[in-house]
Amino acid sequence: MAAISRLIAACALILAWGLALPDAARAADSLVHATNFQADARTATKRRVPILVVFTTPHCPYCERVKHDYLIPMNKDPANRSRVIIREVTLGASDPLIGFDGTPTTEGAFAAAHKVFMVPTVQVFDTQGNDTGDAIVGLLIPDYYYGYLENAIDAGMSKVRGK
């Protein structure tokens, strides 16, 4: 009887582990949603890197393409940890968010305060929450989009590192 119980327990454990895998795989295929820019800024200050924010809306095919073709692979690349922190903000969302100055706000209000009304919009910020250059609005030319992102990150790094 004990052997059957162990076998059932082992099968249940294997089944539970297997069911958890798709969620873990999906989590690796997404960006971190912004919740606390003040904490992100402290981390960015320690690393001496800028913070890249992609502003999106649900069901936006261009947003999904920017995230899945460019930003998620960039975020997964360990080399980029020494270059940038990437966060996502949803326009119009009422999810709570702490701003760079520690003020409680929402994702939608943060986007509006930064005059973001079109998606996808990518903006790079320094560790104080200041724009480090012009926003990248829309998908633009897909063949050059990675270069636009690289240039924006490089400009942010220069500003953060005082070069």
Protein backbone atom coordinates (compact mmCIF):
# COMPACT_ATOMS: atom_id res chain seq x y z
CA MET A 1 0.00 0.00 0.00
CA ALA A 2 2.87 2.40 0.84
CA ALA A 3 4.46 1.77 -2.57
CA ILE A 4 1.21 2.69 -4.34
CA SER A 5 0.90 5.87 -2.26
CA ARG A 6 4.49 6.87 -3.16
CA LEU A 7 3.80 6.15 -6.82
CA ILE A 8 0.63 8.28 -6.77
CA ALA A 9 2.47 11.10 -4.96
CA ALA A 10 5.32 10.96 -7.48
CA CYS A 11 2.89 11.07 -10.42
CA ALA A 12 1.04 14.00 -8.87
CA LEU A 13 4.32 15.87 -8.39
CA ILE A 14 5.38 15.23 -11.97
CA LEU A 15 1.96 16.35 -13.25
CA ALA A 16 2.05 19.53 -11.15
CA TRP A 17 5.57 20.31 -12.36
CA GLY A 18 4.54 19.75 -15.97
CA LEU A 19 1.50 22.01 -15.65
CA ALA A 20 3.66 24.80 -14.23
CA LEU A 21 6.05 24.80 -17.19
CA PRO A 22 3.82 26.68 -19.66
CA ASP A 23 3.39 29.54 -17.16
CA ALA A 24 7.12 29.72 -16.60
CA ALA A 25 7.74 29.70 -20.33
CA ARG A 26 5.19 32.46 -20.85
CA ALA A 27 6.76 34.54 -18.06
CA ALA A 28 10.10 34.35 -19.85
CA ASP A 29 8.36 35.59 -22.99
CA SER A 30 7.08 38.82 -21.50
CA LEU A 31 8.40 42.10 -20.15
CA VAL A 32 8.30 43.26 -16.55
CA HIS A 33 5.40 45.64 -15.98
CA ALA A 34 6.42 48.81 -14.21
CA THR A 35 5.26 49.01 -10.61
CA ASN A 36 7.87 51.17 -8.88
CA PHE A 37 10.07 53.49 -10.92
CA GLN A 38 11.70 54.83 -7.76
CA ALA A 39 13.02 51.32 -6.96
CA ASP A 40 13.96 50.79 -10.62
CA ALA A 41 15.87 54.10 -10.53
CA ARG A 42 17.85 52.96 -7.47
CA THR A 43 18.80 49.78 -9.32
CA ALA A 44 19.64 51.78 -12.45
CA THR A 45 21.82 54.13 -10.40
CA LYS A 46 23.78 51.18 -8.98
CA ARG A 47 24.24 49.67 -12.45
CA ARG A 48 24.75 53.09 -14.08
CA VAL A 49 22.17 52.33 -16.79
CA PRO A 50 19.05 54.04 -18.17
CA ILE A 51 15.49 52.74 -17.96
CA LEU A 52 13.70 51.97 -21.23
CA VAL A 53 9.91 52.10 -21.03
CA VAL A 54 7.65 50.71 -23.72
CA PHE A 55 4.13 52.12 -23.61
CA THR A 56 1.54 49.70 -24.98
CA THR A 57 -2.16 48.91 -25.09
CA PRO A 58 -3.86 45.52 -25.06
CA HIS A 59 -4.62 43.99 -28.45
CA CYS A 60 -2.17 46.26 -30.27
CA PRO A 61 -0.46 44.15 -32.95
CA TYR A 62 2.38 46.64 -33.38
CA CYS A 63 3.00 46.66 -29.61
CA GLU A 64 3.18 42.86 -29.63
CA ARG A 65 5.59 42.89 -32.54
CA VAL A 66 7.88 45.46 -30.87
CA LYS A 67 7.85 43.44 -27.65
CA HIS A 68 8.30 39.98 -29.17
CA ASP A 69 10.63 40.81 -32.06
CA TYR A 70 12.86 43.34 -30.30
CA LEU A 71 12.41 44.06 -26.60
CA ILE A 72 11.89 40.57 -25.15
CA PRO A 73 14.96 39.15 -26.94
CA MET A 74 16.90 42.25 -25.87
CA ASN A 75 15.70 41.79 -22.28
CA LYS A 76 16.71 38.09 -22.29
CA ASP A 77 20.24 38.89 -23.49
CA PRO A 78 22.54 38.94 -20.44
CA ALA A 79 24.75 41.54 -22.15
CA ASN A 80 21.92 44.06 -21.94
CA ARG A 81 21.75 43.84 -18.13
CA SER A 82 24.80 46.08 -18.08
CA ARG A 83 23.16 48.49 -20.54
CA VAL A 84 19.48 49.01 -19.69
CA ILE A 85 16.48 48.16 -17.50
CA ILE A 86 13.33 47.50 -19.57
CA ARG A 87 9.80 48.07 -18.27
CA GLU A 88 6.30 48.09 -19.80
CA VAL A 89 3.50 50.58 -19.07
CA THR A 90 -0.08 50.19 -20.36
CA LEU A 91 -1.87 53.33 -21.54
CA GLY A 92 -5.17 53.93 -19.80
CA ALA A 93 -4.52 51.29 -17.15
CA SER A 94 -5.49 52.03 -13.57
CA ASP A 95 -2.86 49.70 -12.11
CA PRO A 96 -0.93 51.45 -9.33
CA LEU A 97 2.56 52.72 -10.07
CA ILE A 98 5.16 54.60 -8.06
CA GLY A 99 6.73 57.39 -10.09
CA PHE A 100 10.41 58.27 -10.22
CA ASP A 101 9.86 60.84 -7.45
CA GLY A 102 8.08 58.33 -5.20
CA THR A 103 4.61 59.72 -5.89
CA PRO A 104 1.83 57.13 -6.22
CA THR A 105 0.11 57.25 -9.60
CA THR A 106 -1.29 54.83 -12.17
CA GLU A 107 0.12 53.47 -15.40
CA GLY A 108 -2.36 55.53 -17.41
CA ALA A 109 -1.60 58.75 -15.53
CA PHE A 110 2.15 58.15 -15.90
CA ALA A 111 1.72 57.76 -19.67
CA ALA A 112 -0.44 60.89 -19.88
CA ALA A 113 2.07 62.90 -17.81
CA HIS A 114 4.73 61.96 -20.36
CA LYS A 115 2.41 62.93 -23.22
CA VAL A 116 2.23 59.40 -24.59
CA PHE A 117 -0.92 58.96 -26.64
CA MET A 118 0.19 56.64 -29.45
CA VAL A 119 1.46 53.10 -29.13
CA PRO A 120 3.87 51.55 -29.21
CA THR A 121 6.03 54.34 -27.82
CA VAL A 122 9.49 53.67 -26.44
CA GLN A 123 11.07 56.26 -24.16
CA VAL A 124 14.40 56.06 -22.37
CA PHE A 125 14.76 57.74 -18.97
CA ASP A 126 17.76 58.56 -16.81
CA THR A 127 17.86 57.62 -13.13
CA GLN A 128 16.01 60.83 -12.19
CA GLY A 129 13.12 60.15 -14.57
CA ASN A 130 14.20 62.64 -17.25
CA ASP A 131 13.90 61.80 -20.96
CA THR A 132 17.29 61.07 -22.46
CA GLY A 133 16.21 61.70 -26.05
CA ASP A 134 13.28 61.65 -28.41
CA ALA A 135 10.68 58.92 -28.01
CA ILE A 136 10.40 56.21 -30.64
CA VAL A 137 6.75 56.40 -31.68
CA GLY A 138 5.25 53.58 -33.73
CA LEU A 139 7.04 50.67 -35.33
CA LEU A 140 8.74 52.89 -37.92
CA ILE A 141 10.83 50.86 -40.34
CA PRO A 142 11.12 47.30 -38.96
CA ASP A 143 14.48 46.72 -40.66
CA TYR A 144 15.99 49.63 -38.72
CA TYR A 145 14.00 49.38 -35.48
CA TYR A 146 16.68 47.51 -33.53
CA GLY A 147 19.12 50.27 -34.51
CA TYR A 148 16.69 52.93 -33.25
CA LEU A 149 16.48 51.10 -29.92
CA GLU A 150 20.26 50.72 -29.70
CA ASN A 151 20.76 54.44 -30.40
CA ALA A 152 18.19 55.40 -27.75
CA ILE A 153 19.85 53.12 -25.18
CA ASP A 154 23.31 54.45 -26.06
CA ALA A 155 22.07 58.04 -25.62
CA GLY A 156 20.58 57.07 -22.27
CA MET A 157 23.81 55.41 -21.16
CA SER A 158 25.80 58.50 -22.13
CA LYS A 159 23.49 60.71 -20.09
CA VAL A 160 23.48 58.40 -17.05
CA ARG A 161 27.24 57.90 -17.15
CA GLY A 162 27.95 61.56 -17.82
CA LYS A 163 29.77 61.06 -21.11
